[in-house]
Amino acid sequence: MGVITILVDWIPYLFEGVILTLALVLSSLGLGLLFGLPMALGQIYGNRILKSIISVYVWFFRGLPVLVLLFLFYFGIFLSLNPGIDPFYVAIVVLGLRGAAYQSQIFRGAILSISEGQMIAARSLGMSRWQAIKSIILPQAVRIALPGWSNEYPTVLTDTSVCYAIGVAEILTRTTQIVAQTYIAMPIYLAAAGIYILLNYAGMKGLHILEKRISIPGFGQGGV
């Protein structure tokens, strides 16, 4: 009963960590989408210089561990510019920019899977390249990319646990603080593990529902 009582007493504090973790995940995914989709377009339709810049960006953010990126940005850049900055915002930037590198490749693959004949047909009808991309290519590419893009959710969710290293008060940080004060480790860490599993399941379930809702029956099967 002692362990259960302790867990109940600390639920509000742990719940605040859940809210902060979800805010971190959603903000990072949004930032990754904001940068990732234009980078995918740039890699396919951009000039040689733009393609090279994006390739270096993708190589850099995919090649370094999250923890190294957090240290580089927090201690190397943000603290020197603003010593009082909230590490939460640094974590959003790092996870978002890293996510953009991965998301750009997801969208790039989806765009490349669409027949080039559709672009040729659109141009022959008088559409500009941008009009064809916006009205014909992107609506299909987003549907194709959604299953792969959905996998970014559990990846970012688990990556948030590393943000304790710069002082973000997410789930793992708060769990560790509770353990340090109660000297009860395993039950509390198991509770944290259960929270991560529930958040992962709920998020993936929601994205799967979204995927089914926007899908077109037969679309993407047998070529596009």
C-alpha atoms as a PDB file:
ATOM      1  CA  MET A   1       0.000   0.000   0.000  1.00  0.00           C
ATOM      2  CA  GLY A   2       2.926   2.321   0.649  1.00  0.00           C
ATOM      3  CA  VAL A   3       4.089   2.266  -2.975  1.00  0.00           C
ATOM      4  CA  ILE A   4       0.555   2.799  -4.311  1.00  0.00           C
ATOM      5  CA  THR A   5       0.046   5.733  -1.961  1.00  0.00           C
ATOM      6  CA  ILE A   6       3.306   7.310  -3.090  1.00  0.00           C
ATOM      7  CA  LEU A   7       2.364   6.875  -6.749  1.00  0.00           C
ATOM      8  CA  VAL A   8      -1.048   8.434  -6.180  1.00  0.00           C
ATOM      9  CA  ASP A   9       0.512  11.377  -4.348  1.00  0.00           C
ATOM     10  CA  TRP A  10       2.904  12.041  -7.216  1.00  0.00           C
ATOM     11  CA  ILE A  11       0.380  11.610 -10.050  1.00  0.00           C
ATOM     12  CA  PRO A  12      -0.283  15.367 -10.503  1.00  0.00           C
ATOM     13  CA  TYR A  13       3.452  16.071 -10.777  1.00  0.00           C
ATOM     14  CA  LEU A  14       3.926  13.216 -13.246  1.00  0.00           C
ATOM     15  CA  PHE A  15       0.862  14.321 -15.225  1.00  0.00           C
ATOM     16  CA  GLU A  16       2.453  17.728 -15.760  1.00  0.00           C
ATOM     17  CA  GLY A  17       5.377  15.881 -17.314  1.00  0.00           C
ATOM     18  CA  VAL A  18       2.986  14.033 -19.626  1.00  0.00           C
ATOM     19  CA  ILE A  19       1.468  17.308 -20.820  1.00  0.00           C
ATOM     20  CA  LEU A  20       4.901  18.829 -21.390  1.00  0.00           C
ATOM     21  CA  THR A  21       6.069  15.709 -23.253  1.00  0.00           C
ATOM     22  CA  LEU A  22       3.041  15.769 -25.559  1.00  0.00           C
ATOM     23  CA  ALA A  23       3.566  19.475 -26.220  1.00  0.00           C
ATOM     24  CA  LEU A  24       7.183  18.723 -27.081  1.00  0.00           C
ATOM     25  CA  VAL A  25       6.223  15.872 -29.415  1.00  0.00           C
ATOM     26  CA  LEU A  26       3.489  17.773 -31.265  1.00  0.00           C
ATOM     27  CA  SER A  27       5.567  20.943 -31.603  1.00  0.00           C
ATOM     28  CA  SER A  28       8.566  18.975 -32.887  1.00  0.00           C
ATOM     29  CA  LEU A  29       6.461  17.062 -35.404  1.00  0.00           C
ATOM     30  CA  GLY A  30       4.905  20.292 -36.617  1.00  0.00           C
ATOM     31  CA  LEU A  31       8.286  21.981 -37.004  1.00  0.00           C
ATOM     32  CA  GLY A  32       9.632  18.926 -38.784  1.00  0.00           C
ATOM     33  CA  LEU A  33       6.724  18.993 -41.220  1.00  0.00           C
ATOM     34  CA  LEU A  34       7.120  22.724 -41.775  1.00  0.00           C
ATOM     35  CA  PHE A  35      10.733  22.270 -42.872  1.00  0.00           C
ATOM     36  CA  GLY A  36      10.699  18.685 -44.113  1.00  0.00           C
ATOM     37  CA  LEU A  37       8.131  19.014 -46.895  1.00  0.00           C
ATOM     38  CA  PRO A  38       9.771  22.056 -48.568  1.00  0.00           C
ATOM     39  CA  MET A  39      13.146  20.312 -48.314  1.00  0.00           C
ATOM     40  CA  ALA A  40      11.711  17.273 -50.075  1.00  0.00           C
ATOM     41  CA  LEU A  41      10.470  19.503 -52.881  1.00  0.00           C
ATOM     42  CA  GLY A  42      13.828  21.252 -53.015  1.00  0.00           C
ATOM     43  CA  GLN A  43      15.678  17.955 -53.363  1.00  0.00           C
ATOM     44  CA  ILE A  44      13.534  16.969 -56.324  1.00  0.00           C
ATOM     45  CA  TYR A  45      12.767  20.223 -58.119  1.00  0.00           C
ATOM     46  CA  GLY A  46      15.511  22.546 -56.852  1.00  0.00           C
ATOM     47  CA  ASN A  47      18.748  23.532 -58.555  1.00  0.00           C
ATOM     48  CA  ARG A  48      22.081  21.883 -57.877  1.00  0.00           C
ATOM     49  CA  ILE A  49      23.118  24.308 -55.117  1.00  0.00           C
ATOM     50  CA  LEU A  50      19.840  23.920 -53.229  1.00  0.00           C
ATOM     51  CA  LYS A  51      20.006  20.132 -53.511  1.00  0.00           C
ATOM     52  CA  SER A  52      23.553  20.149 -52.135  1.00  0.00           C
ATOM     53  CA  ILE A  53      22.614  22.355 -49.170  1.00  0.00           C
ATOM     54  CA  ILE A  54      19.668  20.130 -48.286  1.00  0.00           C
ATOM     55  CA  SER A  55      21.781  16.986 -48.639  1.00  0.00           C
ATOM     56  CA  VAL A  56      24.360  18.380 -46.196  1.00  0.00           C
ATOM     57  CA  TYR A  57      21.576  19.338 -43.776  1.00  0.00           C
ATOM     58  CA  VAL A  58      20.067  15.851 -43.919  1.00  0.00           C
ATOM     59  CA  TRP A  59      23.476  14.233 -43.534  1.00  0.00           C
ATOM     60  CA  PHE A  60      24.287  16.389 -40.479  1.00  0.00           C
ATOM     61  CA  PHE A  61      21.053  15.906 -38.546  1.00  0.00           C
ATOM     62  CA  ARG A  62      20.703  12.214 -39.349  1.00  0.00           C
ATOM     63  CA  GLY A  63      24.347  11.515 -38.596  1.00  0.00           C
ATOM     64  CA  LEU A  64      24.490  12.818 -35.020  1.00  0.00           C
ATOM     65  CA  PRO A  65      22.800  11.369 -31.910  1.00  0.00           C
ATOM     66  CA  VAL A  66      20.000  13.405 -30.362  1.00  0.00           C
ATOM     67  CA  LEU A  67      22.019  13.958 -27.190  1.00  0.00           C
ATOM     68  CA  VAL A  68      24.954  15.433 -29.108  1.00  0.00           C
ATOM     69  CA  LEU A  69      22.616  17.767 -31.010  1.00  0.00           C
ATOM     70  CA  LEU A  70      20.984  18.891 -27.767  1.00  0.00           C
ATOM     71  CA  PHE A  71      24.365  19.728 -26.248  1.00  0.00           C
ATOM     72  CA  LEU A  72      25.577  21.494 -29.392  1.00  0.00           C
ATOM     73  CA  PHE A  73      22.489  23.675 -29.671  1.00  0.00           C
ATOM     74  CA  TYR A  74      21.850  24.296 -25.979  1.00  0.00           C
ATOM     75  CA  PHE A  75      25.384  24.862 -24.670  1.00  0.00           C
ATOM     76  CA  GLY A  76      27.010  25.894 -27.926  1.00  0.00           C
ATOM     77  CA  ILE A  77      24.424  28.239 -29.459  1.00  0.00           C
ATOM     78  CA  PHE A  78      21.371  29.159 -27.414  1.00  0.00           C
ATOM     79  CA  LEU A  79      23.015  29.776 -24.034  1.00  0.00           C
ATOM     80  CA  SER A  80      25.564  32.071 -25.628  1.00  0.00           C
ATOM     81  CA  LEU A  81      22.785  34.070 -27.292  1.00  0.00           C
ATOM     82  CA  ASN A  82      20.315  33.987 -24.395  1.00  0.00           C
ATOM     83  CA  PRO A  83      21.566  32.580 -21.058  1.00  0.00           C
ATOM     84  CA  GLY A  84      18.032  32.528 -19.637  1.00  0.00           C
ATOM     85  CA  ILE A  85      16.421  30.529 -22.418  1.00  0.00           C
ATOM     86  CA  ASP A  86      14.006  27.774 -21.467  1.00  0.00           C
ATOM     87  CA  PRO A  87      15.511  24.394 -22.463  1.00  0.00           C
ATOM     88  CA  PHE A  88      12.025  23.294 -23.536  1.00  0.00           C
ATOM     89  CA  TYR A  89      12.225  25.572 -26.587  1.00  0.00           C
ATOM     90  CA  VAL A  90      15.727  24.357 -27.406  1.00  0.00           C
ATOM     91  CA  ALA A  91      14.448  20.782 -27.323  1.00  0.00           C
ATOM     92  CA  ILE A  92      11.633  21.677 -29.737  1.00  0.00           C
ATOM     93  CA  VAL A  93      14.119  23.230 -32.166  1.00  0.00           C
ATOM     94  CA  VAL A  94      16.528  20.291 -32.010  1.00  0.00           C
ATOM     95  CA  LEU A  95      13.887  17.563 -32.304  1.00  0.00           C
ATOM     96  CA  GLY A  96      12.044  19.549 -34.967  1.00  0.00           C
ATOM     97  CA  LEU A  97      15.128  20.165 -37.121  1.00  0.00           C
ATOM     98  CA  ARG A  98      16.243  16.560 -36.726  1.00  0.00           C
ATOM     99  CA  GLY A  99      12.739  15.364 -37.568  1.00  0.00           C
ATOM    100  CA  ALA A 100      12.740  17.564 -40.666  1.00  0.00           C
ATOM    101  CA  ALA A 101      15.760  15.666 -41.980  1.00  0.00           C
ATOM    102  CA  TYR A 102      13.928  12.351 -41.665  1.00  0.00           C
ATOM    103  CA  GLN A 103      10.567  13.665 -42.829  1.00  0.00           C
ATOM    104  CA  SER A 104      12.121  15.218 -45.925  1.00  0.00           C
ATOM    105  CA  GLN A 105      13.215  11.762 -47.046  1.00  0.00           C
ATOM    106  CA  ILE A 106       9.779  10.288 -46.357  1.00  0.00           C
ATOM    107  CA  PHE A 107       8.104  12.946 -48.505  1.00  0.00           C
ATOM    108  CA  ARG A 108      10.853  12.756 -51.108  1.00  0.00           C
ATOM    109  CA  GLY A 109      10.215   9.055 -51.577  1.00  0.00           C
ATOM    110  CA  ALA A 110       6.462   9.638 -51.788  1.00  0.00           C
ATOM    111  CA  ILE A 111       6.850  12.349 -54.429  1.00  0.00           C
ATOM    112  CA  LEU A 112       9.246  10.253 -56.485  1.00  0.00           C
ATOM    113  CA  SER A 113       6.754   7.368 -56.447  1.00  0.00           C
ATOM    114  CA  ILE A 114       4.287   9.454 -58.460  1.00  0.00           C
ATOM    115  CA  SER A 115       4.535   8.992 -62.188  1.00  0.00           C
ATOM    116  CA  GLU A 116       6.463  11.758 -63.945  1.00  0.00           C
ATOM    117  CA  GLY A 117       3.807  11.625 -66.640  1.00  0.00           C
ATOM    118  CA  GLN A 118       1.415  13.447 -64.324  1.00  0.00           C
ATOM    119  CA  MET A 119       3.722  16.462 -64.203  1.00  0.00           C
ATOM    120  CA  ILE A 120       4.156  16.357 -67.980  1.00  0.00           C
ATOM    121  CA  ALA A 121       0.386  16.159 -68.486  1.00  0.00           C
ATOM    122  CA  ALA A 122      -0.215  19.076 -66.105  1.00  0.00           C
ATOM    123  CA  ARG A 123       2.358  21.230 -67.884  1.00  0.00           C
ATOM    124  CA  SER A 124       0.828  20.372 -71.255  1.00  0.00           C
ATOM    125  CA  LEU A 125      -2.492  21.696 -69.944  1.00  0.00           C
ATOM    126  CA  GLY A 126      -0.899  25.061 -69.206  1.00  0.00           C
ATOM    127  CA  MET A 127      -0.155  24.645 -65.503  1.00  0.00           C
ATOM    128  CA  SER A 128       3.029  26.066 -64.089  1.00  0.00           C
ATOM    129  CA  ARG A 129       5.351  23.687 -62.252  1.00  0.00           C
ATOM    130  CA  TRP A 130       4.244  25.065 -58.875  1.00  0.00           C
ATOM    131  CA  GLN A 131       0.554  24.743 -59.789  1.00  0.00           C
ATOM    132  CA  ALA A 132       1.118  21.113 -60.787  1.00  0.00           C
ATOM    133  CA  ILE A 133       2.994  20.389 -57.573  1.00  0.00           C
ATOM    134  CA  LYS A 134       0.372  22.055 -55.385  1.00  0.00           C
ATOM    135  CA  SER A 135      -2.732  20.684 -57.082  1.00  0.00           C
ATOM    136  CA  ILE A 136      -1.647  17.282 -58.385  1.00  0.00           C
ATOM    137  CA  ILE A 137       1.600  16.014 -56.875  1.00  0.00           C
ATOM    138  CA  LEU A 138       1.327  17.044 -53.217  1.00  0.00           C
ATOM    139  CA  PRO A 139      -2.237  15.777 -52.531  1.00  0.00           C
ATOM    140  CA  GLN A 140      -1.144  12.321 -53.694  1.00  0.00           C
ATOM    141  CA  ALA A 141       2.272  12.440 -52.034  1.00  0.00           C
ATOM    142  CA  VAL A 142       0.822  13.314 -48.627  1.00  0.00           C
ATOM    143  CA  ARG A 143      -1.469  10.276 -48.745  1.00  0.00           C
ATOM    144  CA  ILE A 144       1.386   8.023 -49.786  1.00  0.00           C
ATOM    145  CA  ALA A 145       3.734   9.444 -47.143  1.00  0.00           C
ATOM    146  CA  LEU A 146       1.347   9.337 -44.183  1.00  0.00           C
ATOM    147  CA  PRO A 147       2.072   5.721 -43.093  1.00  0.00           C
ATOM    148  CA  GLY A 148       5.803   6.415 -43.072  1.00  0.00           C
ATOM    149  CA  TRP A 149       5.344   9.848 -41.525  1.00  0.00           C
ATOM    150  CA  SER A 150       3.266   8.294 -38.725  1.00  0.00           C
ATOM    151  CA  ASN A 151       6.341   6.372 -37.610  1.00  0.00           C
ATOM    152  CA  GLU A 152       7.933   9.681 -36.665  1.00  0.00           C
ATOM    153  CA  TYR A 153       5.518   9.978 -33.732  1.00  0.00           C
ATOM    154  CA  PRO A 154       6.916   7.097 -31.628  1.00  0.00           C
ATOM    155  CA  THR A 155      10.454   8.081 -32.622  1.00  0.00           C
ATOM    156  CA  VAL A 156      10.041  11.646 -31.386  1.00  0.00           C
ATOM    157  CA  LEU A 157       8.164  10.444 -28.301  1.00  0.00           C
ATOM    158  CA  THR A 158      11.060   8.246 -27.232  1.00  0.00           C
ATOM    159  CA  ASP A 159      13.602  10.938 -28.162  1.00  0.00           C
ATOM    160  CA  THR A 160      11.986  13.326 -25.688  1.00  0.00           C
ATOM    161  CA  SER A 161      13.325  11.176 -22.844  1.00  0.00           C
ATOM    162  CA  VAL A 162      16.861  12.304 -23.777  1.00  0.00           C
ATOM    163  CA  CYS A 163      15.899  15.938 -23.196  1.00  0.00           C
ATOM    164  CA  TYR A 164      16.359  15.452 -19.451  1.00  0.00           C
ATOM    165  CA  ALA A 165      20.070  16.073 -20.162  1.00  0.00           C
ATOM    166  CA  ILE A 166      19.452  19.800 -20.710  1.00  0.00           C
ATOM    167  CA  GLY A 167      16.859  20.154 -17.960  1.00  0.00           C
ATOM    168  CA  VAL A 168      13.526  19.687 -19.728  1.00  0.00           C
ATOM    169  CA  ALA A 169      11.012  18.527 -17.108  1.00  0.00           C
ATOM    170  CA  GLU A 170       9.426  15.780 -19.217  1.00  0.00           C
ATOM    171  CA  ILE A 171       8.290  12.351 -18.036  1.00  0.00           C
ATOM    172  CA  LEU A 172      11.686  10.777 -17.416  1.00  0.00           C
ATOM    173  CA  THR A 173      13.047  13.849 -15.637  1.00  0.00           C
ATOM    174  CA  ARG A 174      10.102  13.957 -13.261  1.00  0.00           C
ATOM    175  CA  THR A 175      10.225  10.198 -12.744  1.00  0.00           C
ATOM    176  CA  THR A 176      13.904  10.399 -11.774  1.00  0.00           C
ATOM    177  CA  GLN A 177      13.148  13.243  -9.364  1.00  0.00           C
ATOM    178  CA  ILE A 178      10.396  11.197  -7.719  1.00  0.00           C
ATOM    179  CA  VAL A 179      12.756   8.231  -7.341  1.00  0.00           C
ATOM    180  CA  ALA A 180      15.402  10.490  -5.799  1.00  0.00           C
ATOM    181  CA  GLN A 181      12.941  11.681  -3.160  1.00  0.00           C
ATOM    182  CA  THR A 182      11.121   8.429  -2.409  1.00  0.00           C
ATOM    183  CA  TYR A 183      13.976   5.922  -2.877  1.00  0.00           C
ATOM    184  CA  ILE A 184      11.512   3.636  -4.679  1.00  0.00           C
ATOM    185  CA  ALA A 185      12.828   2.942  -8.151  1.00  0.00           C
ATOM    186  CA  MET A 186      11.308  -0.030  -9.961  1.00  0.00           C
ATOM    187  CA  PRO A 187       7.561   0.634  -9.429  1.00  0.00           C
ATOM    188  CA  ILE A 188       7.947   4.277 -10.412  1.00  0.00           C
ATOM    189  CA  TYR A 189      10.012   3.525 -13.505  1.00  0.00           C
ATOM    190  CA  LEU A 190       7.482   0.851 -14.452  1.00  0.00           C
ATOM    191  CA  ALA A 191       4.741   3.474 -14.148  1.00  0.00           C
ATOM    192  CA  ALA A 192       6.722   5.750 -16.454  1.00  0.00           C
ATOM    193  CA  ALA A 193       7.171   2.896 -18.931  1.00  0.00           C
ATOM    194  CA  GLY A 194       3.434   2.293 -18.853  1.00  0.00           C
ATOM    195  CA  ILE A 195       2.804   5.969 -19.608  1.00  0.00           C
ATOM    196  CA  TYR A 196       5.112   5.870 -22.623  1.00  0.00           C
ATOM    197  CA  ILE A 197       3.386   2.738 -23.926  1.00  0.00           C
ATOM    198  CA  LEU A 198      -0.069   4.323 -23.541  1.00  0.00           C
ATOM    199  CA  LEU A 199       1.024   7.549 -25.254  1.00  0.00           C
ATOM    200  CA  ASN A 200       2.591   5.556 -28.064  1.00  0.00           C
ATOM    201  CA  TYR A 201      -0.494   3.404 -28.558  1.00  0.00           C
ATOM    202  CA  ALA A 202      -2.937   6.335 -28.418  1.00  0.00           C
ATOM    203  CA  GLY A 203      -0.897   8.419 -30.854  1.00  0.00           C
ATOM    204  CA  MET A 204      -0.424   5.630 -33.383  1.00  0.00           C
ATOM    205  CA  LYS A 205      -4.104   4.692 -33.123  1.00  0.00           C
ATOM    206  CA  GLY A 206      -5.113   8.276 -33.862  1.00  0.00           C
ATOM    207  CA  LEU A 207      -2.743   8.529 -36.815  1.00  0.00           C
ATOM    208  CA  HIS A 208      -4.009   5.203 -38.170  1.00  0.00           C
ATOM    209  CA  ILE A 209      -7.582   6.537 -38.049  1.00  0.00           C
ATOM    210  CA  LEU A 210      -6.442   9.682 -39.872  1.00  0.00           C
ATOM    211  CA  GLU A 211      -4.660   7.559 -42.464  1.00  0.00           C
ATOM    212  CA  LYS A 212      -7.809   5.546 -43.174  1.00  0.00           C
ATOM    213  CA  ARG A 213      -9.958   8.678 -43.306  1.00  0.00           C
ATOM    214  CA  ILE A 214      -7.924  10.494 -45.937  1.00  0.00           C
ATOM    215  CA  SER A 215      -7.010   7.417 -47.977  1.00  0.00           C
ATOM    216  CA  ILE A 216      -8.581   6.775 -51.375  1.00  0.00           C
ATOM    217  CA  PRO A 217      -9.647   3.149 -51.979  1.00  0.00           C
ATOM    218  CA  GLY A 218      -7.233   1.542 -54.422  1.00  0.00           C
ATOM    219  CA  PHE A 219      -4.988   4.603 -54.472  1.00  0.00           C
ATOM    220  CA  GLY A 220      -1.300   3.750 -54.618  1.00  0.00           C
ATOM    221  CA  GLN A 221      -1.911   0.150 -55.601  1.00  0.00           C
ATOM    222  CA  GLY A 222      -0.596  -0.930 -58.917  1.00  0.00           C
ATOM    223  CA  GLY A 223       1.205   2.359 -59.548  1.00  0.00           C
ATOM    224  CA  VAL A 224       0.225   5.988 -59.471  1.00  0.00           C
END
